[in-house]
Amino acid sequence: MARALIAVVDDEAPVGKALNRLLRLAGLNVETFASGAAFLDSLQNHTPDCVVLDLHMPQMDGFEVQRRLAQAAARVPVIVITGRDSPQARECALANGAAAYLAKPVDGPALLNAVAVAIAPRCPDEPTPKIIRQNG
C-alpha cells in the first residue's frame, strides 16, 4: 500500500527542505512546491492526502490557495503554517477550512500530530507518522 502523500507549499527553500525532511523521516511521501500556483497546477495530475501551506508567499498567498481549493471542490486537508501569526490570520485560515494552524518556527511533533489527524479519514490504514526526537 502506498504511503500518504503530503504536499508542502512554501516559498522559502530552507523551510520547504526542513519540512520535507521531517515528514519523510516520519515515513510519509512528500512533494514540495515553491509557490501556490505550482501546487495548484500539480492537482491536474494527482491530489495529495494533505497540504502543509505557508500563508505569506509572493504572487499567490495561502489564503488564495485555500479559496481556489474550495472553488475546485478539492477535499484535501490543509495545515496552515505562518511566520506572521495574528488572530486575524488564524481566524481567516480556520474559517476557510484549515484543519490546523501552526506558527513558525513549526514544532515538529505538533506538525506530525496535525498531519496524522488530517490524513486519518483519508488514509485509515496509514500508520501514525513517527515522531522524531532530536537531542539537544
N, C-alpha and C. Protein backbone atom coordinates (compact mmCIF):
# COMPACT_ATOMS: atom_id res chain seq x y z
N MET A 1 0.84 -1.19 0.00
CA MET A 1 0.00 0.00 0.00
C MET A 1 0.88 1.25 0.00
N ALA A 2 0.47 2.24 -0.79
CA ALA A 2 1.24 3.47 -0.89
C ALA A 2 1.13 4.28 0.40
N ARG A 3 2.23 4.93 0.73
CA ARG A 3 2.22 5.81 1.90
C ARG A 3 1.49 7.09 1.55
N ALA A 4 0.98 7.78 2.57
CA ALA A 4 0.29 9.05 2.36
C ALA A 4 1.22 10.05 1.69
N LEU A 5 0.65 10.89 0.82
CA LEU A 5 1.39 11.92 0.11
C LEU A 5 1.05 13.28 0.71
N ILE A 6 2.07 13.97 1.17
CA ILE A 6 1.92 15.29 1.77
C ILE A 6 2.55 16.31 0.83
N ALA A 7 1.81 17.36 0.50
CA ALA A 7 2.35 18.46 -0.31
C ALA A 7 2.76 19.59 0.64
N VAL A 8 3.98 20.07 0.48
CA VAL A 8 4.49 21.20 1.26
C VAL A 8 4.59 22.38 0.29
N VAL A 9 3.89 23.47 0.61
CA VAL A 9 3.90 24.66 -0.24
C VAL A 9 4.46 25.82 0.57
N ASP A 10 5.70 26.21 0.26
CA ASP A 10 6.36 27.29 0.98
C ASP A 10 7.41 27.90 0.06
N ASP A 11 7.41 29.21 -0.06
CA ASP A 11 8.35 29.89 -0.95
C ASP A 11 9.77 29.97 -0.39
N GLU A 12 9.95 29.69 0.88
CA GLU A 12 11.28 29.71 1.49
C GLU A 12 11.91 28.32 1.35
N ALA A 13 12.91 28.20 0.50
CA ALA A 13 13.53 26.90 0.22
C ALA A 13 14.02 26.19 1.49
N PRO A 14 14.69 26.87 2.43
CA PRO A 14 15.15 26.16 3.64
C PRO A 14 13.98 25.58 4.46
N VAL A 15 12.88 26.31 4.51
CA VAL A 15 11.71 25.81 5.25
C VAL A 15 11.14 24.59 4.54
N GLY A 16 10.97 24.68 3.23
CA GLY A 16 10.46 23.55 2.46
C GLY A 16 11.34 22.32 2.62
N LYS A 17 12.64 22.52 2.59
CA LYS A 17 13.58 21.41 2.74
C LYS A 17 13.47 20.79 4.14
N ALA A 18 13.39 21.62 5.17
CA ALA A 18 13.29 21.12 6.55
C ALA A 18 11.98 20.35 6.76
N LEU A 19 10.87 20.89 6.25
CA LEU A 19 9.59 20.20 6.39
C LEU A 19 9.58 18.89 5.62
N ASN A 20 10.16 18.91 4.42
CA ASN A 20 10.27 17.69 3.62
C ASN A 20 11.03 16.62 4.40
N ARG A 21 12.14 16.99 4.98
CA ARG A 21 12.97 16.04 5.73
C ARG A 21 12.20 15.48 6.93
N LEU A 22 11.56 16.35 7.69
CA LEU A 22 10.80 15.93 8.87
C LEU A 22 9.71 14.93 8.48
N LEU A 23 8.95 15.26 7.46
CA LEU A 23 7.84 14.40 7.05
C LEU A 23 8.33 13.07 6.49
N ARG A 24 9.43 13.11 5.72
CA ARG A 24 10.00 11.85 5.18
C ARG A 24 10.53 10.96 6.31
N LEU A 25 11.19 11.57 7.29
CA LEU A 25 11.70 10.79 8.43
C LEU A 25 10.55 10.15 9.21
N ALA A 26 9.38 10.76 9.13
CA ALA A 26 8.19 10.22 9.81
C ALA A 26 7.52 9.13 8.96
N GLY A 27 8.08 8.83 7.79
CA GLY A 27 7.55 7.75 6.97
C GLY A 27 6.52 8.15 5.94
N LEU A 28 6.47 9.43 5.58
CA LEU A 28 5.49 9.91 4.62
C LEU A 28 6.16 10.25 3.28
N ASN A 29 5.39 10.18 2.20
CA ASN A 29 5.84 10.68 0.91
C ASN A 29 5.60 12.18 0.89
N VAL A 30 6.52 12.93 0.29
CA VAL A 30 6.42 14.39 0.32
C VAL A 30 6.76 14.97 -1.05
N GLU A 31 5.98 15.97 -1.44
CA GLU A 31 6.29 16.80 -2.60
C GLU A 31 6.40 18.22 -2.10
N THR A 32 7.36 18.99 -2.61
CA THR A 32 7.47 20.38 -2.20
C THR A 32 7.22 21.28 -3.40
N PHE A 33 6.62 22.43 -3.12
CA PHE A 33 6.30 23.42 -4.15
C PHE A 33 6.71 24.78 -3.62
N ALA A 34 7.34 25.58 -4.49
CA ALA A 34 7.82 26.90 -4.09
C ALA A 34 6.77 27.98 -4.26
N SER A 35 5.60 27.62 -4.80
CA SER A 35 4.54 28.61 -4.99
C SER A 35 3.17 27.94 -4.96
N GLY A 36 2.18 28.75 -4.65
CA GLY A 36 0.81 28.25 -4.67
C GLY A 36 0.39 27.84 -6.07
N ALA A 37 0.81 28.61 -7.08
CA ALA A 37 0.45 28.30 -8.46
C ALA A 37 1.01 26.94 -8.89
N ALA A 38 2.27 26.67 -8.53
CA ALA A 38 2.88 25.37 -8.89
C ALA A 38 2.12 24.23 -8.23
N PHE A 39 1.74 24.42 -6.97
CA PHE A 39 0.97 23.38 -6.28
C PHE A 39 -0.38 23.16 -6.97
N LEU A 40 -1.10 24.24 -7.24
CA LEU A 40 -2.42 24.11 -7.88
C LEU A 40 -2.30 23.44 -9.25
N ASP A 41 -1.26 23.75 -10.00
CA ASP A 41 -1.04 23.10 -11.30
C ASP A 41 -0.86 21.59 -11.14
N SER A 42 -0.22 21.17 -10.05
CA SER A 42 0.04 19.74 -9.83
C SER A 42 -1.25 18.95 -9.60
N LEU A 43 -2.32 19.63 -9.20
CA LEU A 43 -3.58 18.95 -8.92
C LEU A 43 -4.22 18.37 -10.18
N GLN A 44 -3.75 18.79 -11.35
CA GLN A 44 -4.26 18.22 -12.60
C GLN A 44 -3.84 16.77 -12.74
N ASN A 45 -2.73 16.39 -12.10
CA ASN A 45 -2.18 15.04 -12.23
C ASN A 45 -2.53 14.13 -11.05
N HIS A 46 -2.61 14.70 -9.86
CA HIS A 46 -2.91 13.91 -8.66
C HIS A 46 -3.23 14.84 -7.49
N THR A 47 -3.85 14.27 -6.49
CA THR A 47 -4.22 15.05 -5.30
C THR A 47 -3.51 14.46 -4.09
N PRO A 48 -2.82 15.29 -3.32
CA PRO A 48 -2.16 14.77 -2.12
C PRO A 48 -3.19 14.45 -1.04
N ASP A 49 -2.74 13.74 -0.02
CA ASP A 49 -3.61 13.40 1.10
C ASP A 49 -3.73 14.55 2.09
N CYS A 50 -2.77 15.48 2.04
CA CYS A 50 -2.74 16.62 2.96
C CYS A 50 -1.80 17.68 2.39
N VAL A 51 -2.08 18.95 2.69
CA VAL A 51 -1.23 20.05 2.24
C VAL A 51 -0.75 20.84 3.46
N VAL A 52 0.54 21.07 3.54
CA VAL A 52 1.12 21.97 4.53
C VAL A 52 1.40 23.26 3.77
N LEU A 53 0.66 24.31 4.11
CA LEU A 53 0.60 25.52 3.29
C LEU A 53 1.04 26.76 4.04
N ASP A 54 2.07 27.43 3.51
CA ASP A 54 2.50 28.71 4.06
C ASP A 54 1.48 29.77 3.66
N LEU A 55 1.20 30.70 4.56
CA LEU A 55 0.23 31.75 4.26
C LEU A 55 0.81 32.88 3.44
N HIS A 56 2.02 33.30 3.75
CA HIS A 56 2.57 34.51 3.15
C HIS A 56 3.62 34.17 2.11
N MET A 57 3.18 34.20 0.84
CA MET A 57 4.05 33.93 -0.29
C MET A 57 3.79 34.99 -1.35
N PRO A 58 4.78 35.28 -2.19
CA PRO A 58 4.56 36.26 -3.26
C PRO A 58 3.62 35.71 -4.34
N GLN A 59 3.09 36.58 -5.14
CA GLN A 59 2.16 36.28 -6.23
C GLN A 59 0.82 35.71 -5.73
N MET A 60 0.83 34.56 -5.09
CA MET A 60 -0.40 33.95 -4.61
C MET A 60 -0.19 33.48 -3.17
N ASP A 61 -0.91 34.10 -2.25
CA ASP A 61 -0.73 33.73 -0.85
C ASP A 61 -1.55 32.48 -0.50
N GLY A 62 -1.35 31.99 0.71
CA GLY A 62 -2.02 30.78 1.15
C GLY A 62 -3.53 30.92 1.22
N PHE A 63 -4.02 32.13 1.52
CA PHE A 63 -5.46 32.35 1.56
C PHE A 63 -6.07 32.12 0.17
N GLU A 64 -5.37 32.61 -0.86
CA GLU A 64 -5.86 32.42 -2.23
C GLU A 64 -5.80 30.95 -2.63
N VAL A 65 -4.77 30.25 -2.20
CA VAL A 65 -4.70 28.80 -2.48
C VAL A 65 -5.88 28.10 -1.81
N GLN A 66 -6.17 28.45 -0.57
CA GLN A 66 -7.33 27.86 0.11
C GLN A 66 -8.62 28.15 -0.66
N ARG A 67 -8.80 29.39 -1.13
CA ARG A 67 -10.01 29.75 -1.88
C ARG A 67 -10.13 28.92 -3.16
N ARG A 68 -9.01 28.77 -3.85
CA ARG A 68 -9.05 28.02 -5.12
C ARG A 68 -9.30 26.53 -4.89
N LEU A 69 -8.77 26.00 -3.81
CA LEU A 69 -9.07 24.60 -3.47
C LEU A 69 -10.57 24.43 -3.21
N ALA A 70 -11.15 25.38 -2.50
CA ALA A 70 -12.58 25.32 -2.21
C ALA A 70 -13.40 25.46 -3.49
N GLN A 71 -13.01 26.37 -4.38
CA GLN A 71 -13.72 26.55 -5.65
C GLN A 71 -13.68 25.29 -6.50
N ALA A 72 -12.55 24.58 -6.43
CA ALA A 72 -12.40 23.35 -7.21
C ALA A 72 -13.02 22.15 -6.50
N ALA A 73 -13.59 22.37 -5.33
CA ALA A 73 -14.17 21.31 -4.51
C ALA A 73 -13.14 20.21 -4.20
N ALA A 74 -11.89 20.62 -4.07
CA ALA A 74 -10.83 19.68 -3.71
C ALA A 74 -10.91 19.44 -2.21
N ARG A 75 -11.22 18.25 -1.83
CA ARG A 75 -11.39 17.92 -0.40
C ARG A 75 -10.08 17.39 0.17
N VAL A 76 -9.09 18.25 0.18
CA VAL A 76 -7.79 17.88 0.72
C VAL A 76 -7.57 18.71 1.99
N PRO A 77 -7.23 18.05 3.10
CA PRO A 77 -7.00 18.81 4.33
C PRO A 77 -5.78 19.72 4.20
N VAL A 78 -5.91 20.91 4.77
CA VAL A 78 -4.85 21.93 4.70
C VAL A 78 -4.39 22.25 6.12
N ILE A 79 -3.08 22.18 6.31
CA ILE A 79 -2.47 22.62 7.56
C ILE A 79 -1.72 23.90 7.23
N VAL A 80 -2.16 24.99 7.82
CA VAL A 80 -1.58 26.29 7.54
C VAL A 80 -0.40 26.53 8.48
N ILE A 81 0.69 27.05 7.90
CA ILE A 81 1.84 27.47 8.71
C ILE A 81 2.14 28.92 8.34
N THR A 82 2.61 29.69 9.32
CA THR A 82 2.91 31.09 9.04
C THR A 82 3.99 31.62 9.97
N GLY A 83 4.79 32.50 9.43
CA GLY A 83 5.79 33.21 10.22
C GLY A 83 5.26 34.53 10.74
N ARG A 84 4.05 34.88 10.31
CA ARG A 84 3.42 36.14 10.75
C ARG A 84 2.08 35.83 11.40
N ASP A 85 2.15 35.21 12.55
CA ASP A 85 0.95 34.80 13.28
C ASP A 85 0.18 36.03 13.77
N SER A 86 -1.13 35.97 13.57
CA SER A 86 -2.01 37.01 14.12
C SER A 86 -3.38 36.39 14.34
N PRO A 87 -4.16 36.95 15.25
CA PRO A 87 -5.51 36.43 15.46
C PRO A 87 -6.35 36.48 14.17
N GLN A 88 -6.17 37.54 13.39
CA GLN A 88 -6.94 37.68 12.15
C GLN A 88 -6.57 36.59 11.14
N ALA A 89 -5.27 36.33 10.99
CA ALA A 89 -4.82 35.30 10.06
C ALA A 89 -5.32 33.93 10.50
N ARG A 90 -5.22 33.65 11.79
CA ARG A 90 -5.70 32.38 12.34
C ARG A 90 -7.19 32.21 12.05
N GLU A 91 -7.96 33.25 12.36
CA GLU A 91 -9.40 33.19 12.17
C GLU A 91 -9.76 32.97 10.70
N CYS A 92 -9.10 33.69 9.81
CA CYS A 92 -9.37 33.57 8.38
C CYS A 92 -8.99 32.18 7.86
N ALA A 93 -7.83 31.69 8.23
CA ALA A 93 -7.38 30.37 7.77
C ALA A 93 -8.33 29.28 8.24
N LEU A 94 -8.72 29.33 9.50
CA LEU A 94 -9.63 28.31 10.03
C LEU A 94 -11.03 28.45 9.43
N ALA A 95 -11.48 29.68 9.20
CA ALA A 95 -12.78 29.90 8.58
C ALA A 95 -12.80 29.38 7.14
N ASN A 96 -11.63 29.41 6.49
CA ASN A 96 -11.52 28.90 5.13
C ASN A 96 -11.29 27.39 5.09
N GLY A 97 -11.38 26.73 6.24
CA GLY A 97 -11.35 25.28 6.27
C GLY A 97 -10.05 24.62 6.67
N ALA A 98 -9.08 25.39 7.14
CA ALA A 98 -7.81 24.78 7.55
C ALA A 98 -8.06 23.75 8.66
N ALA A 99 -7.41 22.61 8.54
CA ALA A 99 -7.52 21.56 9.56
C ALA A 99 -6.70 21.91 10.79
N ALA A 100 -5.64 22.72 10.60
CA ALA A 100 -4.78 23.14 11.71
C ALA A 100 -4.07 24.42 11.29
N TYR A 101 -3.61 25.15 12.29
CA TYR A 101 -2.91 26.42 12.08
C TYR A 101 -1.72 26.42 13.02
N LEU A 102 -0.50 26.51 12.46
CA LEU A 102 0.72 26.47 13.26
C LEU A 102 1.61 27.66 12.93
N ALA A 103 2.20 28.26 13.95
CA ALA A 103 3.13 29.36 13.75
C ALA A 103 4.54 28.82 13.55
N LYS A 104 5.32 29.54 12.71
CA LYS A 104 6.73 29.22 12.53
C LYS A 104 7.51 29.87 13.66
N PRO A 105 8.61 29.30 14.11
CA PRO A 105 9.12 28.02 13.65
C PRO A 105 8.19 26.89 14.09
N VAL A 106 7.92 26.01 13.14
CA VAL A 106 6.96 24.93 13.37
C VAL A 106 7.56 23.88 14.30
N ASP A 107 6.80 23.52 15.33
CA ASP A 107 7.18 22.45 16.24
C ASP A 107 6.96 21.12 15.52
N GLY A 108 8.01 20.33 15.35
CA GLY A 108 7.93 19.07 14.61
C GLY A 108 6.84 18.13 15.10
N PRO A 109 6.82 17.79 16.39
CA PRO A 109 5.77 16.89 16.88
C PRO A 109 4.36 17.44 16.67
N ALA A 110 4.18 18.75 16.81
CA ALA A 110 2.86 19.35 16.59
C ALA A 110 2.44 19.21 15.14
N LEU A 111 3.39 19.41 14.22
CA LEU A 111 3.07 19.26 12.79
C LEU A 111 2.73 17.80 12.47
N LEU A 112 3.54 16.87 12.97
CA LEU A 112 3.27 15.46 12.70
C LEU A 112 1.93 15.02 13.28
N ASN A 113 1.58 15.54 14.44
CA ASN A 113 0.29 15.23 15.03
C ASN A 113 -0.84 15.79 14.15
N ALA A 114 -0.69 17.03 13.69
CA ALA A 114 -1.70 17.65 12.84
C ALA A 114 -1.87 16.87 11.53
N VAL A 115 -0.76 16.42 10.96
CA VAL A 115 -0.82 15.62 9.73
C VAL A 115 -1.53 14.30 10.00
N ALA A 116 -1.19 13.64 11.09
CA ALA A 116 -1.82 12.36 11.43
C ALA A 116 -3.33 12.51 11.56
N VAL A 117 -3.76 13.56 12.24
CA VAL A 117 -5.20 13.80 12.42
C VAL A 117 -5.85 14.11 11.06
N ALA A 118 -5.17 14.91 10.25
CA ALA A 118 -5.74 15.32 8.96
C ALA A 118 -5.87 14.15 7.98
N ILE A 119 -4.89 13.24 7.97
CA ILE A 119 -4.94 12.15 6.98
C ILE A 119 -5.72 10.95 7.47
N ALA A 120 -6.04 10.87 8.75
CA ALA A 120 -6.72 9.69 9.29
C ALA A 120 -7.98 9.31 8.51
N PRO A 121 -8.88 10.26 8.19
CA PRO A 121 -10.08 9.88 7.45
C PRO A 121 -9.78 9.46 6.01
N ARG A 122 -8.72 10.00 5.42
CA ARG A 122 -8.38 9.71 4.02
C ARG A 122 -7.55 8.44 3.88
N CYS A 123 -6.74 8.16 4.87
CA CYS A 123 -5.80 7.03 4.83
C CYS A 123 -5.93 6.23 6.11
N PRO A 124 -7.06 5.53 6.32
CA PRO A 124 -7.26 4.86 7.60
C PRO A 124 -6.23 3.79 7.92
N ASP A 125 -5.57 3.22 6.89
CA ASP A 125 -4.58 2.18 7.14
C ASP A 125 -3.17 2.73 7.28
N GLU A 126 -3.01 4.06 7.14
CA GLU A 126 -1.69 4.68 7.24
C GLU A 126 -1.23 4.63 8.70
N PRO A 127 -0.04 4.10 8.95
CA PRO A 127 0.45 4.14 10.33
C PRO A 127 0.65 5.58 10.77
N THR A 128 0.54 5.80 12.05
CA THR A 128 0.75 7.14 12.59
C THR A 128 2.17 7.58 12.28
N PRO A 129 2.35 8.80 11.75
CA PRO A 129 3.70 9.27 11.48
C PRO A 129 4.57 9.18 12.73
N LYS A 130 5.81 8.72 12.52
CA LYS A 130 6.73 8.58 13.64
C LYS A 130 7.23 9.95 14.04
N ILE A 131 7.18 10.23 15.32
CA ILE A 131 7.70 11.49 15.83
C ILE A 131 9.18 11.30 16.13
N ILE A 132 9.98 12.09 15.44
CA ILE A 132 11.42 12.00 15.58
C ILE A 132 11.87 13.02 16.63
N ARG A 133 12.53 12.57 17.64
CA ARG A 133 13.04 13.49 18.67
C ARG A 133 14.55 13.63 18.45
N GLN A 134 14.99 14.88 18.46
CA GLN A 134 16.41 15.13 18.29
C GLN A 134 16.98 15.58 19.63
N ASN A 135 18.16 15.10 19.93
CA ASN A 135 18.82 15.52 21.17
C ASN A 135 19.46 16.89 20.97
N GLY A 136 19.26 17.72 21.98
CA GLY A 136 19.83 18.95 22.15
C GLY A 136 20.24 19.95 21.33
